């Protein structure tokens, strides 16, 4: 009866090491993905806050043209929005 080859490629320890490496890499991938998602969430939150602040500034600026909802106010808001094509999506 032959004893199993333990430390050679294809042996039991070698296969166990391959499984351990694969599990380690999968765990690292999952951690990297979680970090990437957290960064994306943070960037989205920052963008939303910036957009809200711009809206407040535009509102204050356009109130000098007329009451909110008036044609002059709406024209002002539209002009300011169109002046920022990089913010459109």
Protein backbone atom coordinates (compact mmCIF):
# COMPACT_ATOMS: atom_id res chain seq x y z
CA UNK A 1 0.00 0.00 0.00
CA UNK A 2 1.37 3.41 -0.98
CA UNK A 3 1.28 6.32 1.40
CA UNK A 4 -0.37 9.47 0.05
CA UNK A 5 1.95 12.13 -1.28
CA UNK A 6 1.57 15.05 1.07
CA UNK A 7 3.93 17.83 0.06
CA UNK A 8 4.18 17.46 -3.69
CA UNK A 9 2.00 19.24 -6.23
CA UNK A 10 -1.30 17.39 -6.22
CA UNK A 11 -0.72 16.05 -2.68
CA UNK A 12 -3.09 16.61 0.23
CA UNK A 13 -1.16 19.48 1.86
CA UNK A 14 -0.67 21.15 -1.51
CA UNK A 15 -4.42 21.00 -2.20
CA UNK A 16 -5.15 22.36 1.27
CA UNK A 17 -2.74 25.23 0.69
CA UNK A 18 -4.44 26.03 -2.62
CA UNK A 19 -7.82 26.11 -0.92
CA UNK A 20 -6.45 28.37 1.84
CA UNK A 21 -4.97 30.76 -0.72
CA UNK A 22 -8.23 30.83 -2.68
CA UNK A 23 -10.21 31.58 0.48
CA UNK A 24 -7.75 34.31 1.45
CA UNK A 25 -8.06 35.92 -1.97
CA UNK A 26 -11.86 35.75 -1.86
CA UNK A 27 -11.88 37.40 1.57
CA UNK A 28 -9.54 40.13 0.33
CA UNK A 29 -11.77 40.69 -2.70
CA UNK A 30 -14.86 40.99 -0.49
CA UNK A 31 -13.11 43.49 1.80
CA UNK A 32 -11.96 45.50 -1.23
CA UNK A 33 -15.51 45.53 -2.62
CA UNK A 34 -16.91 46.70 0.72
CA UNK A 35 -14.36 49.53 0.84
CA UNK A 36 -15.19 50.52 -2.74
CA UNK A 37 -18.92 50.59 -1.92
CA UNK A 38 -18.27 52.74 1.16
CA UNK A 39 -16.27 55.20 -0.95
CA UNK A 40 -19.01 55.33 -3.58
CA UNK A 41 -21.64 55.94 -0.90
CA UNK A 42 -19.53 58.72 0.60
CA UNK A 43 -19.02 60.35 -2.81
CA UNK A 44 -22.74 60.17 -3.57
CA UNK A 45 -23.54 61.79 -0.22
CA UNK A 46 -21.02 64.58 -0.86
CA UNK A 47 -22.46 65.19 -4.33
CA UNK A 48 -26.00 65.36 -2.95
CA UNK A 49 -24.91 67.84 -0.27
CA UNK A 50 -23.14 70.00 -2.88
CA UNK A 51 -26.21 69.94 -5.12
CA UNK A 52 -28.44 70.98 -2.21
CA UNK A 53 -26.10 73.84 -1.35
CA UNK A 54 -26.05 75.02 -4.97
CA UNK A 55 -29.86 74.89 -4.99
CA UNK A 56 -29.98 77.10 -1.89
CA UNK A 57 -27.58 79.60 -3.42
CA UNK A 58 -29.54 79.67 -6.69
CA UNK A 59 -32.79 80.13 -4.78
CA UNK A 60 -31.38 83.12 -2.87
CA UNK A 61 -29.98 84.65 -6.05
CA UNK A 62 -33.17 84.21 -8.06
CA UNK A 63 -35.46 85.60 -5.37
CA UNK A 64 -34.14 89.03 -6.37
CA UNK A 65 -35.80 88.47 -9.79
CA UNK A 66 -39.20 87.55 -8.41
CA UNK A 67 -41.15 85.31 -6.09
CA UNK A 68 -40.52 81.58 -6.30
CA UNK A 69 -42.68 80.18 -9.08
CA UNK A 70 -42.94 83.47 -10.96
CA UNK A 71 -41.80 83.52 -14.60
CA UNK A 72 -38.78 85.73 -13.78
CA UNK A 73 -37.73 83.42 -10.94
CA UNK A 74 -38.14 80.32 -13.09
CA UNK A 75 -36.16 81.92 -15.93
CA UNK A 76 -33.37 82.72 -13.49
CA UNK A 77 -33.28 79.17 -12.11
CA UNK A 78 -33.29 77.70 -15.62
CA UNK A 79 -30.48 80.03 -16.74
CA UNK A 80 -28.34 79.10 -13.73
CA UNK A 81 -28.99 75.40 -14.22
CA UNK A 82 -28.08 75.61 -17.92
CA UNK A 83 -24.91 77.53 -17.07
CA UNK A 84 -23.63 74.38 -15.31
CA UNK A 85 -23.70 71.71 -18.01
CA UNK A 86 -21.13 69.62 -16.13
CA UNK A 87 -23.64 69.08 -13.30
CA UNK A 88 -26.38 67.74 -15.58
CA UNK A 89 -26.93 63.99 -15.66
